[in-house]
Amino acid sequence: MVAIFDTDPRKVGEAVGGALTVRLYDELERVVRDEDIVVGVLAVPTEAAQGVADDLVEAGVKIIFNYSEALLQVPPEVTVHTSSPAVDLLHALYFYLT
Protein backbone atom coordinates (compact mmCIF):
# COMPACT_ATOMS: atom_id res chain seq x y z
CA MET A 1 0.00 0.00 0.00
CA VAL A 2 1.16 3.45 -0.87
CA ALA A 3 -1.56 5.74 0.47
CA ILE A 4 -4.80 5.77 2.44
CA PHE A 5 -7.40 8.51 2.08
CA ASP A 6 -10.46 9.54 4.05
CA THR A 7 -12.97 12.36 4.02
CA ASP A 8 -13.39 12.28 7.81
CA PRO A 9 -11.13 15.00 9.23
CA ARG A 10 -10.92 13.06 12.51
CA LYS A 11 -9.14 10.21 10.73
CA VAL A 12 -6.74 12.34 8.69
CA GLY A 13 -3.27 12.16 10.20
CA GLU A 14 -3.85 8.81 11.96
CA ALA A 15 -1.12 6.21 11.59
CA VAL A 16 -2.18 2.94 9.94
CA GLY A 17 -0.03 -0.14 10.23
CA GLY A 18 2.91 1.88 11.45
CA ALA A 19 3.96 2.87 7.93
CA LEU A 20 1.19 5.02 6.49
CA THR A 21 -0.74 8.06 7.59
CA VAL A 22 -4.33 8.70 6.52
CA ARG A 23 -4.37 11.55 4.02
CA LEU A 24 -7.08 14.03 3.15
CA TYR A 25 -9.23 12.72 0.29
CA ASP A 26 -8.64 15.98 -1.60
CA GLU A 27 -5.03 14.80 -2.15
CA LEU A 28 -6.09 11.61 -3.98
CA GLU A 29 -5.64 12.81 -7.56
CA ARG A 30 -2.24 14.38 -6.92
CA VAL A 31 -0.90 11.37 -5.00
CA VAL A 32 -2.13 8.85 -7.59
CA ARG A 33 -0.40 10.80 -10.34
CA ASP A 34 2.80 11.59 -8.38
CA GLU A 35 3.23 7.99 -7.19
CA ASP A 36 2.12 6.48 -10.53
CA ILE A 37 -0.48 4.35 -8.74
CA VAL A 38 -2.35 1.95 -11.05
CA VAL A 39 -4.35 -0.09 -8.50
CA GLY A 40 -6.95 1.36 -6.13
CA VAL A 41 -8.88 -0.35 -3.36
CA LEU A 42 -12.41 0.86 -2.60
CA ALA A 43 -13.52 0.21 0.95
CA VAL A 44 -16.27 2.81 1.25
CA PRO A 45 -20.02 2.87 1.84
CA THR A 46 -22.01 1.76 -1.20
CA GLU A 47 -23.46 5.21 -1.78
CA ALA A 48 -19.96 6.71 -2.08
CA ALA A 49 -18.41 3.98 -4.24
CA GLN A 50 -19.23 5.27 -7.73
CA GLY A 51 -17.99 8.76 -6.94
CA VAL A 52 -14.72 7.43 -5.52
CA ALA A 53 -14.33 5.08 -8.51
CA ASP A 54 -14.84 8.05 -10.84
CA ASP A 55 -12.16 9.98 -8.96
CA LEU A 56 -9.74 7.04 -9.13
CA VAL A 57 -10.31 6.64 -12.88
CA GLU A 58 -9.91 10.38 -13.44
CA ALA A 59 -6.61 10.24 -11.53
CA GLY A 60 -5.32 7.40 -13.73
CA VAL A 61 -6.01 4.18 -11.80
CA LYS A 62 -6.45 1.20 -14.15
CA ILE A 63 -7.46 -1.56 -11.69
CA ILE A 64 -10.00 -1.18 -8.89
CA PHE A 65 -10.63 -3.70 -6.13
CA ASN A 66 -14.17 -2.91 -5.02
CA TYR A 67 -15.13 -4.01 -1.51
CA SER A 68 -18.44 -2.15 -1.55
CA GLU A 69 -21.78 -3.54 -2.67
CA ALA A 70 -21.94 -1.09 -5.60
CA LEU A 71 -21.81 -2.24 -9.20
CA LEU A 72 -19.37 0.25 -10.64
CA GLN A 73 -19.53 1.80 -14.09
CA VAL A 74 -16.03 2.43 -15.43
CA PRO A 75 -14.47 2.86 -18.88
CA PRO A 76 -13.52 -0.34 -20.73
CA GLU A 77 -9.80 0.19 -20.11
CA VAL A 78 -10.34 -0.01 -16.33
CA THR A 79 -10.68 -3.41 -14.64
CA VAL A 80 -12.92 -3.79 -11.60
CA HIS A 81 -12.71 -6.76 -9.27
CA THR A 82 -15.65 -6.76 -6.87
CA SER A 83 -15.40 -8.81 -3.74
CA SER A 84 -18.15 -8.84 -1.19
CA PRO A 85 -19.99 -11.53 0.74
CA ALA A 86 -23.08 -11.18 -1.47
CA VAL A 87 -21.12 -11.38 -4.72
CA ASP A 88 -18.98 -14.25 -3.47
CA LEU A 89 -22.13 -16.16 -2.46
CA LEU A 90 -23.71 -15.63 -5.89
CA HIS A 91 -20.51 -16.78 -7.57
CA ALA A 92 -20.35 -19.92 -5.44
CA LEU A 93 -24.04 -20.68 -6.03
CA TYR A 94 -23.64 -20.26 -9.77
CA PHE A 95 -20.91 -22.90 -9.92
CA TYR A 96 -22.75 -25.17 -7.50
CA LEU A 97 -25.96 -25.05 -9.52
CA THR A 98 -24.39 -25.42 -12.96
PDB file of N, CA and C in Angstrom:
ATOM      1  N   MET A   1       0.850  -1.178   0.000  1.00  0.00           N
ATOM      2  CA  MET A   1       0.000   0.000   0.000  1.00  0.00           C
ATOM      3  C   MET A   1       0.887   1.230   0.000  1.00  0.00           C
ATOM      4  N   VAL A   2       0.411   2.213  -0.738  1.00  0.00           N
ATOM      5  CA  VAL A   2       1.160   3.453  -0.875  1.00  0.00           C
ATOM      6  C   VAL A   2       0.490   4.594  -0.130  1.00  0.00           C
ATOM      7  N   ALA A   3      -0.847   4.615  -0.143  1.00  0.00           N
ATOM      8  CA  ALA A   3      -1.560   5.738   0.471  1.00  0.00           C
ATOM      9  C   ALA A   3      -2.949   5.307   0.905  1.00  0.00           C
ATOM     10  N   ILE A   4      -3.446   5.975   1.938  1.00  0.00           N
ATOM     11  CA  ILE A   4      -4.805   5.771   2.442  1.00  0.00           C
ATOM     12  C   ILE A   4      -5.446   7.146   2.541  1.00  0.00           C
ATOM     13  N   PHE A   5      -6.692   7.235   2.082  1.00  0.00           N
ATOM     14  CA  PHE A   5      -7.398   8.511   2.078  1.00  0.00           C
ATOM     15  C   PHE A   5      -8.712   8.393   2.824  1.00  0.00           C
ATOM     16  N   ASP A   6      -9.160   9.501   3.397  1.00  0.00           N
ATOM     17  CA  ASP A   6     -10.460   9.537   4.054  1.00  0.00           C
ATOM     18  C   ASP A   6     -11.002  10.951   3.995  1.00  0.00           C
ATOM     19  N   THR A   7     -12.329  11.047   4.000  1.00  0.00           N
ATOM     20  CA  THR A   7     -12.969  12.363   4.023  1.00  0.00           C
ATOM     21  C   THR A   7     -13.252  12.832   5.437  1.00  0.00           C
ATOM     22  N   ASP A   8     -13.124  11.941   6.403  1.00  0.00           N
ATOM     23  CA  ASP A   8     -13.387  12.275   7.807  1.00  0.00           C
ATOM     24  C   ASP A   8     -12.169  12.980   8.397  1.00  0.00           C
ATOM     25  N   PRO A   9     -12.285  14.265   8.714  1.00  0.00           N
ATOM     26  CA  PRO A   9     -11.127  14.999   9.233  1.00  0.00           C
ATOM     27  C   PRO A   9     -10.578  14.425  10.537  1.00  0.00           C
ATOM     28  N   ARG A  10     -11.406  13.677  11.274  1.00  0.00           N
ATOM     29  CA  ARG A  10     -10.922  13.062  12.515  1.00  0.00           C
ATOM     30  C   ARG A  10      -9.943  11.926  12.253  1.00  0.00           C
ATOM     31  N   LYS A  11     -10.026  11.322  11.067  1.00  0.00           N
ATOM     32  CA  LYS A  11      -9.136  10.211  10.730  1.00  0.00           C
ATOM     33  C   LYS A  11      -7.855  10.667  10.031  1.00  0.00           C
ATOM     34  N   VAL A  12      -7.900  11.827   9.399  1.00  0.00           N
ATOM     35  CA  VAL A  12      -6.735  12.344   8.687  1.00  0.00           C
ATOM     36  C   VAL A  12      -5.600  12.563   9.682  1.00  0.00           C
ATOM     37  N   GLY A  13      -4.445  12.053   9.330  1.00  0.00           N
ATOM     38  CA  GLY A  13      -3.273  12.158  10.203  1.00  0.00           C
ATOM     39  C   GLY A  13      -3.044  10.939  11.073  1.00  0.00           C
ATOM     40  N   GLU A  14      -4.022  10.032  11.162  1.00  0.00           N
ATOM     41  CA  GLU A  14      -3.855   8.807  11.957  1.00  0.00           C
ATOM     42  C   GLU A  14      -2.857   7.875  11.285  1.00  0.00           C
ATOM     43  N   ALA A  15      -2.047   7.213  12.101  1.00  0.00           N
ATOM     44  CA  ALA A  15      -1.119   6.211  11.589  1.00  0.00           C
ATOM     45  C   ALA A  15      -1.864   4.899  11.372  1.00  0.00           C
ATOM     46  N   VAL A  16      -1.561   4.225  10.268  1.00  0.00           N
ATOM     47  CA  VAL A  16      -2.179   2.938   9.943  1.00  0.00           C
ATOM     48  C   VAL A  16      -1.061   1.941   9.672  1.00  0.00           C
ATOM     49  N   GLY A  17      -1.033   0.893  10.440  1.00  0.00           N
ATOM     50  CA  GLY A  17      -0.031  -0.144  10.234  1.00  0.00           C
ATOM     51  C   GLY A  17       1.393   0.300  10.481  1.00  0.00           C
ATOM     52  N   GLY A  18       1.577   1.411  11.118  1.00  0.00           N
ATOM     53  CA  GLY A  18       2.907   1.881  11.449  1.00  0.00           C
ATOM     54  C   GLY A  18       3.670   2.520  10.307  1.00  0.00           C
ATOM     55  N   ALA A  19       3.194   2.361   9.064  1.00  0.00           N
ATOM     56  CA  ALA A  19       3.957   2.872   7.927  1.00  0.00           C
ATOM     57  C   ALA A  19       3.254   3.987   7.161  1.00  0.00           C
ATOM     58  N   LEU A  20       1.952   4.035   7.261  1.00  0.00           N
ATOM     59  CA  LEU A  20       1.193   5.016   6.488  1.00  0.00           C
ATOM     60  C   LEU A  20       0.389   5.928   7.400  1.00  0.00           C
ATOM     61  N   THR A  21       0.114   7.102   6.888  1.00  0.00           N
ATOM     62  CA  THR A  21      -0.736   8.060   7.588  1.00  0.00           C
ATOM     63  C   THR A  21      -1.931   8.355   6.701  1.00  0.00           C
ATOM     64  N   VAL A  22      -3.113   8.391   7.279  1.00  0.00           N
ATOM     65  CA  VAL A  22      -4.325   8.699   6.520  1.00  0.00           C
ATOM     66  C   VAL A  22      -4.217  10.121   5.982  1.00  0.00           C
ATOM     67  N   ARG A  23      -4.447  10.254   4.690  1.00  0.00           N
ATOM     68  CA  ARG A  23      -4.372  11.551   4.021  1.00  0.00           C
ATOM     69  C   ARG A  23      -5.763  12.082   3.738  1.00  0.00           C
ATOM     70  N   LEU A  24      -5.837  13.369   3.522  1.00  0.00           N
ATOM     71  CA  LEU A  24      -7.082  14.028   3.150  1.00  0.00           C
ATOM     72  C   LEU A  24      -7.490  13.571   1.749  1.00  0.00           C
ATOM     73  N   TYR A  25      -8.741  13.231   1.570  1.00  0.00           N
ATOM     74  CA  TYR A  25      -9.232  12.724   0.292  1.00  0.00           C
ATOM     75  C   TYR A  25      -8.945  13.689  -0.855  1.00  0.00           C
ATOM     76  N   ASP A  26      -8.906  14.972  -0.560  1.00  0.00           N
ATOM     77  CA  ASP A  26      -8.637  15.978  -1.599  1.00  0.00           C
ATOM     78  C   ASP A  26      -7.259  15.797  -2.238  1.00  0.00           C
ATOM     79  N   GLU A  27      -6.368  15.037  -1.618  1.00  0.00           N
ATOM     80  CA  GLU A  27      -5.028  14.796  -2.146  1.00  0.00           C
ATOM     81  C   GLU A  27      -4.973  13.596  -3.088  1.00  0.00           C
ATOM     82  N   LEU A  28      -6.078  12.869  -3.231  1.00  0.00           N
ATOM     83  CA  LEU A  28      -6.091  11.611  -3.979  1.00  0.00           C
ATOM     84  C   LEU A  28      -5.534  11.762  -5.389  1.00  0.00           C
ATOM     85  N   GLU A  29      -6.057  12.681  -6.157  1.00  0.00           N
ATOM     86  CA  GLU A  29      -5.638  12.807  -7.558  1.00  0.00           C
ATOM     87  C   GLU A  29      -4.146  13.105  -7.662  1.00  0.00           C
ATOM     88  N   ARG A  30      -3.656  14.014  -6.867  1.00  0.00           N
ATOM     89  CA  ARG A  30      -2.240  14.385  -6.921  1.00  0.00           C
ATOM     90  C   ARG A  30      -1.350  13.202  -6.540  1.00  0.00           C
ATOM     91  N   VAL A  31      -1.711  12.494  -5.470  1.00  0.00           N
ATOM     92  CA  VAL A  31      -0.899  11.373  -5.001  1.00  0.00           C
ATOM     93  C   VAL A  31      -0.899  10.233  -6.013  1.00  0.00           C
ATOM     94  N   VAL A  32      -2.055   9.918  -6.584  1.00  0.00           N
ATOM     95  CA  VAL A  32      -2.129   8.849  -7.589  1.00  0.00           C
ATOM     96  C   VAL A  32      -1.213   9.177  -8.762  1.00  0.00           C
ATOM     97  N   ARG A  33      -1.244  10.415  -9.210  1.00  0.00           N
ATOM     98  CA  ARG A  33      -0.396  10.795 -10.340  1.00  0.00           C
ATOM     99  C   ARG A  33       1.081  10.852  -9.951  1.00  0.00           C
ATOM    100  N   ASP A  34       1.402  11.457  -8.817  1.00  0.00           N
ATOM    101  CA  ASP A  34       2.798  11.586  -8.382  1.00  0.00           C
ATOM    102  C   ASP A  34       3.452  10.240  -8.112  1.00  0.00           C
ATOM    103  N   GLU A  35       2.687   9.311  -7.545  1.00  0.00           N
ATOM    104  CA  GLU A  35       3.226   7.989  -7.185  1.00  0.00           C
ATOM    105  C   GLU A  35       3.013   6.954  -8.295  1.00  0.00           C
ATOM    106  N   ASP A  36       2.398   7.377  -9.402  1.00  0.00           N
ATOM    107  CA  ASP A  36       2.121   6.482 -10.527  1.00  0.00           C
ATOM    108  C   ASP A  36       1.372   5.231 -10.068  1.00  0.00           C
ATOM    109  N   ILE A  37       0.329   5.443  -9.284  1.00  0.00           N
ATOM    110  CA  ILE A  37      -0.478   4.349  -8.740  1.00  0.00           C
ATOM    111  C   ILE A  37      -1.438   3.844  -9.818  1.00  0.00           C
ATOM    112  N   VAL A  38      -1.469   2.521 -10.046  1.00  0.00           N
ATOM    113  CA  VAL A  38      -2.349   1.950 -11.053  1.00  0.00           C
ATOM    114  C   VAL A  38      -3.464   1.103 -10.447  1.00  0.00           C
ATOM    115  N   VAL A  39      -3.345   0.751  -9.159  1.00  0.00           N
ATOM    116  CA  VAL A  39      -4.349  -0.089  -8.497  1.00  0.00           C
ATOM    117  C   VAL A  39      -4.929   0.683  -7.320  1.00  0.00           C
ATOM    118  N   GLY A  40      -6.264   0.739  -7.255  1.00  0.00           N
ATOM    119  CA  GLY A  40      -6.947   1.361  -6.131  1.00  0.00           C
ATOM    120  C   GLY A  40      -7.852   0.365  -5.446  1.00  0.00           C
ATOM    121  N   VAL A  41      -8.000   0.510  -4.147  1.00  0.00           N
ATOM    122  CA  VAL A  41      -8.877  -0.352  -3.362  1.00  0.00           C
ATOM    123  C   VAL A  41      -9.995   0.514  -2.798  1.00  0.00           C
ATOM    124  N   LEU A  42     -11.231   0.139  -3.101  1.00  0.00           N
ATOM    125  CA  LEU A  42     -12.406   0.857  -2.600  1.00  0.00           C
ATOM    126  C   LEU A  42     -12.965   0.122  -1.398  1.00  0.00           C
ATOM    127  N   ALA A  43     -12.915   0.757  -0.264  1.00  0.00           N
ATOM    128  CA  ALA A  43     -13.525   0.213   0.954  1.00  0.00           C
ATOM    129  C   ALA A  43     -14.327   1.358   1.556  1.00  0.00           C
ATOM    130  N   VAL A  44     -15.436   1.661   0.892  1.00  0.00           N
ATOM    131  CA  VAL A  44     -16.272   2.811   1.246  1.00  0.00           C
ATOM    132  C   VAL A  44     -17.730   2.382   1.292  1.00  0.00           C
ATOM    133  N   PRO A  45     -18.585   3.193   1.888  1.00  0.00           N
ATOM    134  CA  PRO A  45     -20.021   2.873   1.838  1.00  0.00           C
ATOM    135  C   PRO A  45     -20.512   2.805   0.389  1.00  0.00           C
ATOM    136  N   THR A  46     -21.486   1.968   0.157  1.00  0.00           N
ATOM    137  CA  THR A  46     -22.010   1.758  -1.198  1.00  0.00           C
ATOM    138  C   THR A  46     -22.381   3.060  -1.891  1.00  0.00           C
ATOM    139  N   GLU A  47     -23.007   3.967  -1.154  1.00  0.00           N
ATOM    140  CA  GLU A  47     -23.461   5.211  -1.777  1.00  0.00           C
ATOM    141  C   GLU A  47     -22.312   6.116  -2.213  1.00  0.00           C
ATOM    142  N   ALA A  48     -21.118   5.899  -1.703  1.00  0.00           N
ATOM    143  CA  ALA A  48     -19.963   6.711  -2.079  1.00  0.00           C
ATOM    144  C   ALA A  48     -19.091   6.038  -3.145  1.00  0.00           C
ATOM    145  N   ALA A  49     -19.322   4.774  -3.410  1.00  0.00           N
ATOM    146  CA  ALA A  49     -18.411   3.984  -4.237  1.00  0.00           C
ATOM    147  C   ALA A  49     -18.266   4.510  -5.660  1.00  0.00           C
ATOM    148  N   GLN A  50     -19.349   4.824  -6.337  1.00  0.00           N
ATOM    149  CA  GLN A  50     -19.231   5.268  -7.734  1.00  0.00           C
ATOM    150  C   GLN A  50     -18.461   6.572  -7.832  1.00  0.00           C
ATOM    151  N   GLY A  51     -18.717   7.489  -6.931  1.00  0.00           N
ATOM    152  CA  GLY A  51     -17.995   8.759  -6.945  1.00  0.00           C
ATOM    153  C   GLY A  51     -16.503   8.574  -6.719  1.00  0.00           C
ATOM    154  N   VAL A  52     -16.144   7.698  -5.781  1.00  0.00           N
ATOM    155  CA  VAL A  52     -14.721   7.429  -5.519  1.00  0.00           C
ATOM    156  C   VAL A  52     -14.108   6.714  -6.720  1.00  0.00           C
ATOM    157  N   ALA A  53     -14.828   5.770  -7.310  1.00  0.00           N
ATOM    158  CA  ALA A  53     -14.329   5.083  -8.506  1.00  0.00           C
ATOM    159  C   ALA A  53     -14.087   6.092  -9.627  1.00  0.00           C
ATOM    160  N   ASP A  54     -15.023   7.012  -9.816  1.00  0.00           N
ATOM    161  CA  ASP A  54     -14.844   8.047 -10.841  1.00  0.00           C
ATOM    162  C   ASP A  54     -13.589   8.860 -10.576  1.00  0.00           C
ATOM    163  N   ASP A  55     -13.352   9.209  -9.315  1.00  0.00           N
ATOM    164  CA  ASP A  55     -12.162   9.984  -8.958  1.00  0.00           C
ATOM    165  C   ASP A  55     -10.890   9.180  -9.212  1.00  0.00           C
ATOM    166  N   LEU A  56     -10.910   7.886  -8.887  1.00  0.00           N
ATOM    167  CA  LEU A  56      -9.744   7.038  -9.135  1.00  0.00           C
ATOM    168  C   LEU A  56      -9.444   6.935 -10.629  1.00  0.00           C
ATOM    169  N   VAL A  57     -10.486   6.730 -11.428  1.00  0.00           N
ATOM    170  CA  VAL A  57     -10.314   6.638 -12.878  1.00  0.00           C
ATOM    171  C   VAL A  57      -9.777   7.958 -13.426  1.00  0.00           C
ATOM    172  N   GLU A  58     -10.352   9.050 -12.989  1.00  0.00           N
ATOM    173  CA  GLU A  58      -9.909  10.381 -13.438  1.00  0.00           C
ATOM    174  C   GLU A  58      -8.430  10.611 -13.097  1.00  0.00           C
ATOM    175  N   ALA A  59      -7.996  10.074 -11.965  1.00  0.00           N
ATOM    176  CA  ALA A  59      -6.609  10.244 -11.535  1.00  0.00           C
ATOM    177  C   ALA A  59      -5.649   9.323 -12.286  1.00  0.00           C
ATOM    178  N   GLY A  60      -6.175   8.278 -12.931  1.00  0.00           N
ATOM    179  CA  GLY A  60      -5.322   7.401 -13.727  1.00  0.00           C
ATOM    180  C   GLY A  60      -5.239   5.961 -13.275  1.00  0.00           C
ATOM    181  N   VAL A  61      -6.010   5.571 -12.261  1.00  0.00           N
ATOM    182  CA  VAL A  61      -6.009   4.182 -11.797  1.00  0.00           C
ATOM    183  C   VAL A  61      -6.604   3.285 -12.886  1.00  0.00           C
ATOM    184  N   LYS A  62      -5.997   2.117 -13.107  1.00  0.00           N
ATOM    185  CA  LYS A  62      -6.452   1.196 -14.152  1.00  0.00           C
ATOM    186  C   LYS A  62      -7.091  -0.074 -13.609  1.00  0.00           C
ATOM    187  N   ILE A  63      -6.887  -0.369 -12.323  1.00  0.00           N
ATOM    188  CA  ILE A  63      -7.460  -1.560 -11.689  1.00  0.00           C
ATOM    189  C   ILE A  63      -8.064  -1.128 -10.365  1.00  0.00           C
ATOM    190  N   ILE A  64      -9.323  -1.522 -10.136  1.00  0.00           N
ATOM    191  CA  ILE A  64      -9.997  -1.177  -8.889  1.00  0.00           C
ATOM    192  C   ILE A  64     -10.484  -2.461  -8.217  1.00  0.00           C
ATOM    193  N   PHE A  65     -10.070  -2.640  -6.965  1.00  0.00           N
ATOM    194  CA  PHE A  65     -10.627  -3.697  -6.135  1.00  0.00           C
ATOM    195  C   PHE A  65     -11.763  -3.065  -5.340  1.00  0.00           C
ATOM    196  N   ASN A  66     -12.972  -3.523  -5.590  1.00  0.00           N
ATOM    197  CA  ASN A  66     -14.169  -2.914  -5.019  1.00  0.00           C
ATOM    198  C   ASN A  66     -14.706  -3.791  -3.883  1.00  0.00           C
ATOM    199  N   TYR A  67     -14.615  -3.290  -2.675  1.00  0.00           N
ATOM    200  CA  TYR A  67     -15.131  -4.008  -1.515  1.00  0.00           C
ATOM    201  C   TYR A  67     -16.459  -3.440  -1.029  1.00  0.00           C
ATOM    202  N   SER A  68     -17.098  -2.639  -1.872  1.00  0.00           N
ATOM    203  CA  SER A  68     -18.438  -2.154  -1.550  1.00  0.00           C
ATOM    204  C   SER A  68     -19.452  -3.046  -2.256  1.00  0.00           C
ATOM    205  N   GLU A  69     -20.717  -2.788  -2.012  1.00  0.00           N
ATOM    206  CA  GLU A  69     -21.783  -3.541  -2.675  1.00  0.00           C
ATOM    207  C   GLU A  69     -22.179  -2.918  -4.011  1.00  0.00           C
ATOM    208  N   ALA A  70     -21.570  -1.803  -4.375  1.00  0.00           N
ATOM    209  CA  ALA A  70     -21.939  -1.089  -5.600  1.00  0.00           C
ATOM    210  C   ALA A  70     -21.441  -1.821  -6.841  1.00  0.00           C
ATOM    211  N   LEU A  71     -22.235  -1.771  -7.892  1.00  0.00           N
ATOM    212  CA  LEU A  71     -21.814  -2.244  -9.203  1.00  0.00           C
ATOM    213  C   LEU A  71     -21.295  -1.020  -9.952  1.00  0.00           C
ATOM    214  N   LEU A  72     -20.004  -0.946 -10.121  1.00  0.00           N
ATOM    215  CA  LEU A  72     -19.366   0.255 -10.638  1.00  0.00           C
ATOM    216  C   LEU A  72     -19.416   0.325 -12.157  1.00  0.00           C
ATOM    217  N   GLN A  73     -19.596   1.521 -12.659  1.00  0.00           N
ATOM    218  CA  GLN A  73     -19.532   1.801 -14.087  1.00  0.00           C
ATOM    219  C   GLN A  73     -18.203   2.505 -14.343  1.00  0.00           C
ATOM    220  N   VAL A  74     -17.337   1.861 -15.124  1.00  0.00           N
ATOM    221  CA  VAL A  74     -16.029   2.434 -15.432  1.00  0.00           C
ATOM    222  C   VAL A  74     -15.769   2.270 -16.927  1.00  0.00           C
ATOM    223  N   PRO A  75     -14.823   3.031 -17.467  1.00  0.00           N
ATOM    224  CA  PRO A  75     -14.472   2.863 -18.881  1.00  0.00           C
ATOM    225  C   PRO A  75     -13.911   1.471 -19.153  1.00  0.00           C
ATOM    226  N   PRO A  76     -13.964   1.018 -20.400  1.00  0.00           N
ATOM    227  CA  PRO A  76     -13.525  -0.340 -20.725  1.00  0.00           C
ATOM    228  C   PRO A  76     -12.053  -0.615 -20.423  1.00  0.00           C
ATOM    229  N   GLU A  77     -11.229   0.404 -20.379  1.00  0.00           N
ATOM    230  CA  GLU A  77      -9.804   0.192 -20.110  1.00  0.00           C
ATOM    231  C   GLU A  77      -9.490   0.030 -18.618  1.00  0.00           C
ATOM    232  N   VAL A  78     -10.514   0.143 -17.775  1.00  0.00           N
ATOM    233  CA  VAL A  78     -10.343  -0.014 -16.329  1.00  0.00           C
ATOM    234  C   VAL A  78     -10.964  -1.343 -15.906  1.00  0.00           C
ATOM    235  N   THR A  79     -10.211  -2.124 -15.139  1.00  0.00           N
ATOM    236  CA  THR A  79     -10.678  -3.414 -14.638  1.00  0.00           C
ATOM    237  C   THR A  79     -11.181  -3.255 -13.215  1.00  0.00           C
ATOM    238  N   VAL A  80     -12.363  -3.801 -12.951  1.00  0.00           N
ATOM    239  CA  VAL A  80     -12.917  -3.785 -11.596  1.00  0.00           C
ATOM    240  C   VAL A  80     -13.055  -5.216 -11.110  1.00  0.00           C
ATOM    241  N   HIS A  81     -12.514  -5.464  -9.931  1.00  0.00           N
ATOM    242  CA  HIS A  81     -12.713  -6.759  -9.265  1.00  0.00           C
ATOM    243  C   HIS A  81     -13.540  -6.478  -8.018  1.00  0.00           C
ATOM    244  N   THR A  82     -14.767  -6.970  -8.011  1.00  0.00           N
ATOM    245  CA  THR A  82     -15.653  -6.760  -6.865  1.00  0.00           C
ATOM    246  C   THR A  82     -15.612  -7.978  -5.962  1.00  0.00           C
ATOM    247  N   SER A  83     -15.413  -7.733  -4.709  1.00  0.00           N
ATOM    248  CA  SER A  83     -15.400  -8.814  -3.738  1.00  0.00           C
ATOM    249  C   SER A  83     -16.228  -8.391  -2.539  1.00  0.00           C
ATOM    250  N   SER A  84     -17.291  -9.110  -2.339  1.00  0.00           N
ATOM    251  CA  SER A  84     -18.153  -8.843  -1.191  1.00  0.00           C
ATOM    252  C   SER A  84     -18.835 -10.153  -0.834  1.00  0.00           C
ATOM    253  N   PRO A  85     -19.323 -10.277   0.374  1.00  0.00           N
ATOM    254  CA  PRO A  85     -19.993 -11.531   0.741  1.00  0.00           C
ATOM    255  C   PRO A  85     -21.142 -11.879  -0.202  1.00  0.00           C
ATOM    256  N   ALA A  86     -21.935 -10.900  -0.588  1.00  0.00           N
ATOM    257  CA  ALA A  86     -23.077 -11.182  -1.466  1.00  0.00           C
ATOM    258  C   ALA A  86     -22.607 -11.657  -2.840  1.00  0.00           C
ATOM    259  N   VAL A  87     -21.625 -10.997  -3.401  1.00  0.00           N
ATOM    260  CA  VAL A  87     -21.124 -11.384  -4.719  1.00  0.00           C
ATOM    261  C   VAL A  87     -20.446 -12.742  -4.651  1.00  0.00           C
ATOM    262  N   ASP A  88     -19.648 -12.958  -3.616  1.00  0.00           N
ATOM    263  CA  ASP A  88     -18.981 -14.254  -3.471  1.00  0.00           C
ATOM    264  C   ASP A  88     -19.991 -15.392  -3.325  1.00  0.00           C
ATOM    265  N   LEU A  89     -21.083 -15.156  -2.615  1.00  0.00           N
ATOM    266  CA  LEU A  89     -22.130 -16.161  -2.463  1.00  0.00           C
ATOM    267  C   LEU A  89     -22.786 -16.466  -3.806  1.00  0.00           C
ATOM    268  N   LEU A  90     -23.115 -15.422  -4.568  1.00  0.00           N
ATOM    269  CA  LEU A  90     -23.714 -15.635  -5.889  1.00  0.00           C
ATOM    270  C   LEU A  90     -22.771 -16.412  -6.803  1.00  0.00           C
ATOM    271  N   HIS A  91     -21.519 -16.081  -6.749  1.00  0.00           N
ATOM    272  CA  HIS A  91     -20.515 -16.779  -7.569  1.00  0.00           C
ATOM    273  C   HIS A  91     -20.457 -18.256  -7.184  1.00  0.00           C
ATOM    274  N   ALA A  92     -20.405 -18.537  -5.903  1.00  0.00           N
ATOM    275  CA  ALA A  92     -20.348 -19.923  -5.440  1.00  0.00           C
ATOM    276  C   ALA A  92     -21.621 -20.673  -5.818  1.00  0.00           C
ATOM    277  N   LEU A  93     -22.777 -20.034  -5.671  1.00  0.00           N
ATOM    278  CA  LEU A  93     -24.036 -20.681  -6.029  1.00  0.00           C
ATOM    279  C   LEU A  93     -24.104 -20.979  -7.522  1.00  0.00           C
ATOM    280  N   TYR A  94     -23.618 -20.058  -8.332  1.00  0.00           N
ATOM    281  CA  TYR A  94     -23.642 -20.265  -9.771  1.00  0.00           C
ATOM    282  C   TYR A  94     -22.905 -21.558 -10.125  1.00  0.00           C
ATOM    283  N   PHE A  95     -21.700 -21.703  -9.594  1.00  0.00           N
ATOM    284  CA  PHE A  95     -20.909 -22.899  -9.920  1.00  0.00           C
ATOM    285  C   PHE A  95     -21.473 -24.150  -9.276  1.00  0.00           C
ATOM    286  N   TYR A  96     -22.128 -24.015  -8.150  1.00  0.00           N
ATOM    287  CA  TYR A  96     -22.754 -25.167  -7.496  1.00  0.00           C
ATOM    288  C   TYR A  96     -23.959 -25.653  -8.309  1.00  0.00           C
ATOM    289  N   LEU A  97     -24.721 -24.698  -8.831  1.00  0.00           N
ATOM    290  CA  LEU A  97     -25.960 -25.046  -9.524  1.00  0.00           C
ATOM    291  C   LEU A  97     -25.752 -25.398 -10.994  1.00  0.00           C
ATOM    292  N   THR A  98     -24.603 -25.107 -11.535  1.00  0.00           N
ATOM    293  CA  THR A  98     -24.385 -25.417 -12.960  1.00  0.00           C
ATOM    294  C   THR A  98     -23.517 -26.625 -13.167  1.00  0.00           C
TER     295      THR A  98
END
